[in-house]
Amino acid sequence: MRFNLMFPMRAVKHWDTWSQGASLGDIARLVEQVGFDGFSMSEHPYPDKNWLATGGHHAFDPMVSLSFAAAATTRLRVMTYILVSGYRSPYLTAKSAASLDLLSGGRFTLGTGAGYLKSEFEALHADFAGRGALLDEAIAAWKATWNGEEHDGPEFGVSGHIALPLPSTPGGPPIWIGGNGAAARRRVVDIADGWMPMAASGEMAAITRSQPLEDIDTLTEWIAAVNKRRADRGRGPADVSFVPFESGSLVSGDCAPFCSALGAQLDAYADAGVTWITIEPASRSFSDFRTDVELIASQLIQR
């Protein structure tokens, strides 16, 4: 089991005070030093105020911020969790991903998904209705570009172009798919390297246009079914990153109850097929964050 630290979303809005003078590089180095394997950023370039008022959050630009994290570390894998493909040209994504993968020494994972926040798509003049089909073609365009080839497709097909340098990772960085629906699972089975299913109540699933996921038994069934389909295609098991069901206890800002609850369930998550646990502390400042990640590391990572 490996551990990924999701940068605290609350820190972005209040960065000047939250950081207490620390740089993002300082934060990433701390995460690496205590034993985490990954460091991830979300993406919301232009969210609407109503969504923000009802639980939404701001985010740094993921590629910019992860570049700072990668430059300050030597082992930590940097990840988008998740990058919404439809917000930009696939060739811009391919260039950013190849650059970050190369300059980090092959330490980048591209977590992506179709996205769900319609108002943000509209603000960015992006195609919300066609986002699923465009994501499928974008992945094909990324892979072609990372191999120094041209992509032939209905929306993004282009000839006579090439993007160099190529990524450090042969064929390009790993692609992980976020989401619980049938289309997300299909991508994990057929074309991606990993999966990021999301714990979701029925109410949350309706908001994110996904399927409910409320217990480890269901998660186990889902992962087993996806990996069975991958095996039928001659593919090995997918990496699976999951924000554990116990994460609700982090809202209080006290990591101790979370560590106790998750520690008792880590074997169950491993048996379910989860290969990465993603944790987002609700730390109210950098000093609190240091205390939180050191506790998480001592109780969960170094156990």
Protein backbone atom coordinates (compact mmCIF):
# COMPACT_ATOMS: atom_id res chain seq x y z
CA MET A 1 0.00 0.00 0.00
CA ARG A 2 1.30 3.42 -0.97
CA PHE A 3 0.14 6.79 0.34
CA ASN A 4 -0.70 9.95 -1.59
CA LEU A 5 -1.09 13.36 0.05
CA MET A 6 -3.79 15.52 -1.50
CA PHE A 7 -2.81 19.15 -0.95
CA PRO A 8 -5.39 20.63 1.45
CA MET A 9 -7.98 22.44 -0.61
CA ARG A 10 -8.73 24.93 2.17
CA ALA A 11 -5.11 26.13 2.00
CA VAL A 12 -5.47 27.58 -1.49
CA LYS A 13 -8.00 30.28 -0.69
CA HIS A 14 -6.05 31.39 2.39
CA TRP A 15 -2.56 30.69 1.06
CA ASP A 16 -0.86 33.86 2.33
CA THR A 17 -1.86 33.18 5.93
CA TRP A 18 -2.09 29.37 5.77
CA SER A 19 1.46 28.92 4.49
CA GLN A 20 3.05 30.93 7.33
CA GLY A 21 5.91 31.80 4.97
CA ALA A 22 6.53 28.24 3.78
CA SER A 23 6.87 27.61 0.05
CA LEU A 24 5.09 24.85 -1.81
CA GLY A 25 8.51 23.26 -2.19
CA ASP A 26 8.89 23.24 1.61
CA ILE A 27 5.53 21.52 1.90
CA ALA A 28 6.36 18.88 -0.71
CA ARG A 29 9.73 18.17 0.93
CA LEU A 30 8.00 17.61 4.26
CA VAL A 31 5.51 15.24 2.64
CA GLU A 32 8.36 13.27 1.08
CA GLN A 33 10.46 13.23 4.25
CA VAL A 34 7.71 11.75 6.44
CA GLY A 35 7.21 8.91 3.97
CA PHE A 36 4.38 9.70 1.57
CA ASP A 37 4.80 8.29 -1.94
CA GLY A 38 2.65 10.79 -3.85
CA PHE A 39 1.63 14.46 -3.81
CA SER A 40 -1.45 15.55 -5.71
CA MET A 41 -3.37 18.63 -6.80
CA SER A 42 -6.97 19.09 -7.84
CA GLU A 43 -8.17 21.41 -10.61
CA HIS A 44 -10.81 24.14 -10.69
CA PRO A 45 -9.65 27.07 -12.82
CA TYR A 46 -12.85 29.16 -12.66
CA PRO A 47 -15.58 27.75 -10.37
CA ASP A 48 -18.86 29.54 -9.81
CA LYS A 49 -19.67 31.29 -6.54
CA ASN A 50 -22.78 29.24 -5.77
CA TRP A 51 -20.79 25.99 -5.96
CA LEU A 52 -18.08 27.49 -3.77
CA ALA A 53 -20.70 28.51 -1.20
CA THR A 54 -22.05 24.96 -0.98
CA GLY A 55 -18.87 23.00 -0.40
CA GLY A 56 -16.80 23.71 -3.51
CA HIS A 57 -13.18 24.76 -3.40
CA HIS A 58 -10.47 26.70 -5.18
CA ALA A 59 -7.31 25.06 -6.56
CA PHE A 60 -3.87 26.02 -7.77
CA ASP A 61 -3.11 25.37 -11.42
CA PRO A 62 -2.10 21.71 -11.12
CA MET A 63 0.78 21.68 -13.60
CA VAL A 64 2.37 24.84 -12.22
CA SER A 65 2.04 23.79 -8.58
CA LEU A 66 3.18 20.21 -9.18
CA SER A 67 6.27 21.55 -10.97
CA PHE A 68 7.24 23.36 -7.76
CA ALA A 69 6.67 20.15 -5.79
CA ALA A 70 8.68 18.01 -8.21
CA ALA A 71 11.60 20.45 -8.28
CA ALA A 72 11.86 20.37 -4.48
CA THR A 73 11.81 16.57 -4.12
CA THR A 74 13.63 13.51 -5.43
CA ARG A 75 11.31 10.55 -4.84
CA LEU A 76 7.78 11.89 -4.55
CA ARG A 77 5.38 11.07 -7.42
CA VAL A 78 3.36 14.13 -8.43
CA MET A 79 -0.21 13.64 -9.61
CA THR A 80 -3.20 15.52 -10.94
CA TYR A 81 -6.25 14.43 -8.94
CA ILE A 82 -7.94 15.21 -11.24
CA LEU A 83 -7.22 17.25 -14.36
CA VAL A 84 -10.41 17.89 -16.37
CA SER A 85 -9.39 17.09 -19.91
CA GLY A 86 -12.16 19.04 -21.59
CA TYR A 87 -10.96 22.38 -20.22
CA ARG A 88 -8.11 22.59 -22.74
CA SER A 89 -6.70 21.32 -26.01
CA PRO A 90 -5.30 17.80 -25.65
CA TYR A 91 -2.08 19.00 -27.24
CA LEU A 92 -1.57 21.58 -24.49
CA THR A 93 -2.14 18.84 -21.92
CA ALA A 94 0.23 16.50 -23.73
CA LYS A 95 2.94 19.17 -23.78
CA SER A 96 2.53 20.03 -20.09
CA ALA A 97 2.46 16.36 -19.08
CA ALA A 98 5.50 15.45 -21.16
CA SER A 99 7.43 18.43 -19.80
CA LEU A 100 6.59 17.63 -16.18
CA ASP A 101 7.32 13.93 -16.64
CA LEU A 102 10.68 14.62 -18.27
CA LEU A 103 11.81 17.34 -15.87
CA SER A 104 10.74 15.32 -12.81
CA GLY A 105 12.61 12.22 -13.97
CA GLY A 106 9.48 10.24 -14.77
CA ARG A 107 7.61 11.03 -11.55
CA PHE A 108 4.33 12.29 -12.98
CA THR A 109 0.93 10.58 -13.03
CA LEU A 110 -1.86 12.15 -15.08
CA GLY A 111 -5.10 11.65 -13.20
CA THR A 112 -7.96 12.78 -15.40
CA GLY A 113 -11.69 12.64 -15.86
CA ALA A 114 -14.62 13.99 -17.80
CA GLY A 115 -15.60 16.51 -15.12
CA TYR A 116 -19.03 17.38 -13.77
CA LEU A 117 -19.24 21.12 -13.02
CA LYS A 118 -21.30 22.40 -15.93
CA SER A 119 -21.00 26.06 -14.96
CA GLU A 120 -17.21 25.86 -15.12
CA PHE A 121 -17.32 24.26 -18.57
CA GLU A 122 -19.58 27.09 -19.72
CA ALA A 123 -17.30 29.77 -18.24
CA LEU A 124 -14.36 28.26 -20.12
CA HIS A 125 -16.35 27.83 -23.36
CA ALA A 126 -15.75 24.07 -23.12
CA ASP A 127 -18.09 21.38 -24.44
CA PHE A 128 -19.97 19.93 -21.47
CA ALA A 129 -22.38 17.71 -23.43
CA GLY A 130 -19.59 16.11 -25.47
CA ARG A 131 -17.04 15.84 -22.67
CA GLY A 132 -17.03 12.03 -22.51
CA ALA A 133 -16.31 11.43 -26.17
CA LEU A 134 -13.77 14.26 -26.17
CA LEU A 135 -11.95 12.69 -23.22
CA ASP A 136 -11.67 9.38 -25.06
CA GLU A 137 -10.18 11.10 -28.08
CA ALA A 138 -7.96 13.32 -25.94
CA ILE A 139 -6.37 10.24 -24.37
CA ALA A 140 -5.68 8.86 -27.83
CA ALA A 141 -4.17 12.21 -28.85
CA TRP A 142 -1.97 12.32 -25.72
CA LYS A 143 -0.61 8.85 -26.35
CA ALA A 144 0.12 9.55 -30.00
CA THR A 145 1.88 12.81 -29.14
CA TRP A 146 3.98 11.15 -26.42
CA ASN A 147 5.13 8.58 -28.96
CA GLY A 148 6.09 11.23 -31.50
CA GLU A 149 3.17 10.25 -33.73
CA GLU A 150 0.24 12.10 -35.25
CA HIS A 151 -3.31 11.59 -34.04
CA ASP A 152 -6.07 10.87 -36.55
CA GLY A 153 -9.45 11.68 -35.01
CA PRO A 154 -12.68 13.55 -35.73
CA GLU A 155 -12.12 16.46 -33.31
CA PHE A 156 -8.38 16.66 -32.72
CA GLY A 157 -6.84 15.00 -35.75
CA VAL A 158 -3.94 16.97 -37.21
CA SER A 159 -1.06 16.22 -39.54
CA GLY A 160 2.35 17.76 -40.05
CA HIS A 161 3.03 18.49 -36.38
CA ILE A 162 5.22 17.04 -33.63
CA ALA A 163 5.88 17.92 -29.97
CA LEU A 164 9.38 17.44 -28.56
CA PRO A 165 10.93 16.57 -26.21
CA LEU A 166 9.12 13.34 -25.48
CA PRO A 167 8.34 12.32 -21.89
CA SER A 168 10.86 10.45 -19.77
CA THR A 169 8.41 7.58 -19.27
CA PRO A 170 8.25 5.45 -22.45
CA GLY A 171 4.83 5.92 -24.02
CA GLY A 172 4.03 8.73 -21.63
CA PRO A 173 3.12 9.08 -17.95
CA PRO A 174 0.58 6.72 -16.38
CA ILE A 175 -3.03 7.77 -16.92
CA TRP A 176 -5.46 7.26 -14.05
CA ILE A 177 -9.19 7.77 -14.53
CA GLY A 178 -11.42 9.41 -11.94
CA GLY A 179 -15.07 8.50 -11.61
CA ASN A 180 -17.49 5.74 -10.69
CA GLY A 181 -19.57 5.37 -13.83
CA ALA A 182 -19.56 2.82 -16.62
CA ALA A 183 -17.57 5.08 -18.96
CA ALA A 184 -14.83 5.61 -16.35
CA ARG A 185 -14.57 1.85 -15.78
CA ARG A 186 -14.42 1.22 -19.52
CA ARG A 187 -11.47 3.59 -19.83
CA VAL A 188 -9.68 1.87 -16.96
CA VAL A 189 -10.26 -1.52 -18.57
CA ASP A 190 -9.27 -0.55 -22.11
CA ILE A 191 -6.86 2.36 -22.20
CA ALA A 192 -5.76 3.66 -18.78
CA ASP A 193 -3.32 2.48 -16.14
CA GLY A 194 -5.18 3.29 -12.95
CA TRP A 195 -8.51 4.18 -11.40
CA MET A 196 -9.66 6.74 -8.83
CA PRO A 197 -13.18 5.73 -7.77
CA MET A 198 -14.77 8.13 -5.31
CA ALA A 199 -16.64 7.46 -2.09
CA ALA A 200 -20.04 9.06 -2.57
CA SER A 201 -23.40 9.05 -0.86
CA GLY A 202 -26.49 9.00 -3.02
CA GLU A 203 -26.77 12.78 -2.64
CA MET A 204 -23.13 13.40 -3.55
CA ALA A 205 -23.35 10.99 -6.47
CA ALA A 206 -26.24 13.02 -7.87
CA ILE A 207 -24.18 16.23 -7.62
CA THR A 208 -21.13 14.71 -9.31
CA ARG A 209 -23.22 12.80 -11.88
CA SER A 210 -21.72 9.53 -10.71
CA GLN A 211 -22.73 6.30 -8.93
CA PRO A 212 -23.00 5.91 -5.14
CA LEU A 213 -20.12 4.17 -3.36
CA GLU A 214 -20.61 3.83 0.38
CA ASP A 215 -18.79 0.74 1.68
CA ILE A 216 -15.72 -1.45 1.22
CA ASP A 217 -17.76 -4.45 0.06
CA THR A 218 -19.06 -2.48 -2.93
CA LEU A 219 -15.58 -1.11 -3.64
CA THR A 220 -14.20 -4.67 -3.58
CA GLU A 221 -16.80 -5.82 -6.09
CA TRP A 222 -16.12 -2.89 -8.40
CA ILE A 223 -12.35 -3.34 -8.40
CA ALA A 224 -12.62 -7.10 -8.91
CA ALA A 225 -14.94 -6.62 -11.88
CA VAL A 226 -12.65 -4.05 -13.51
CA ASN A 227 -9.55 -6.18 -13.01
CA LYS A 228 -11.35 -9.26 -14.35
CA ARG A 229 -12.19 -7.36 -17.54
CA ARG A 230 -8.59 -6.15 -17.78
CA ALA A 231 -7.33 -9.72 -17.38
CA ASP A 232 -9.67 -10.85 -20.15
CA ARG A 233 -7.86 -8.34 -22.39
CA GLY A 234 -4.43 -9.53 -21.29
CA ARG A 235 -3.85 -6.57 -19.00
CA GLY A 236 -2.62 -6.66 -15.41
CA PRO A 237 -4.50 -5.25 -12.41
CA ALA A 238 -5.03 -1.49 -12.36
CA ASP A 239 -3.50 0.79 -9.80
CA VAL A 240 -6.40 1.97 -7.64
CA SER A 241 -6.19 5.15 -5.55
CA PHE A 242 -8.96 5.78 -3.06
CA VAL A 243 -9.87 8.49 -0.55
CA PRO A 244 -11.00 6.25 2.34
CA PHE A 245 -14.49 6.23 3.76
CA GLU A 246 -13.01 7.23 7.12
CA SER A 247 -11.95 10.63 5.73
CA GLY A 248 -15.08 12.32 7.03
CA SER A 249 -13.47 12.42 10.47
CA LEU A 250 -10.73 14.72 9.13
CA VAL A 251 -13.19 17.62 8.88
CA SER A 252 -12.73 18.31 12.59
CA GLY A 253 -9.05 19.08 11.97
CA ASP A 254 -7.97 16.32 14.37
CA CYS A 255 -6.17 13.50 12.56
CA ALA A 256 -5.99 11.11 15.52
CA PRO A 257 -9.51 9.61 15.16
CA PHE A 258 -8.95 9.25 11.43
CA CYS A 259 -5.65 7.44 11.89
CA SER A 260 -7.19 5.06 14.42
CA ALA A 261 -10.19 4.28 12.21
CA LEU A 262 -8.22 3.89 8.98
CA GLY A 263 -5.46 1.88 10.62
CA ALA A 264 -8.00 -0.79 11.49
CA GLN A 265 -9.18 -0.96 7.87
CA LEU A 266 -5.95 -0.79 5.86
CA ASP A 267 -5.80 -4.54 5.35
CA ALA A 268 -9.40 -4.52 4.14
CA TYR A 269 -8.58 -1.84 1.58
CA ALA A 270 -5.54 -3.80 0.40
CA ASP A 271 -7.65 -6.95 0.10
CA ALA A 272 -10.18 -4.93 -1.93
CA GLY A 273 -7.48 -4.12 -4.49
CA VAL A 274 -6.66 -0.56 -3.43
CA THR A 275 -2.99 0.16 -4.10
CA TRP A 276 -2.87 3.83 -3.09
CA ILE A 277 -4.59 5.56 -0.16
CA THR A 278 -5.13 9.28 -0.76
CA ILE A 279 -5.38 11.53 2.28
CA GLU A 280 -6.33 15.21 2.40
CA PRO A 281 -5.78 16.70 5.87
CA ALA A 282 -8.02 19.58 6.91
CA SER A 283 -5.06 21.41 8.45
CA ARG A 284 -5.75 25.05 9.29
CA SER A 285 -2.15 26.23 8.87
CA PHE A 286 1.25 24.95 7.78
CA SER A 287 2.25 24.29 11.39
CA ASP A 288 -0.92 22.23 11.86
CA PHE A 289 -0.17 20.49 8.58
CA ARG A 290 3.28 19.47 9.82
CA THR A 291 1.73 18.01 12.96
CA ASP A 292 -0.94 16.22 10.93
CA VAL A 293 1.32 14.61 8.34
CA GLU A 294 3.83 13.52 10.97
CA LEU A 295 1.01 11.84 12.90
CA ILE A 296 -0.41 10.20 9.77
CA ALA A 297 3.04 8.95 8.84
CA SER A 298 3.77 7.51 12.27
CA GLN A 299 0.39 5.84 12.65
CA LEU A 300 -0.25 4.62 9.10
CA ILE A 301 2.78 4.75 6.81
CA GLN A 302 5.49 3.64 9.21
CA ARG A 303 3.42 1.11 11.12
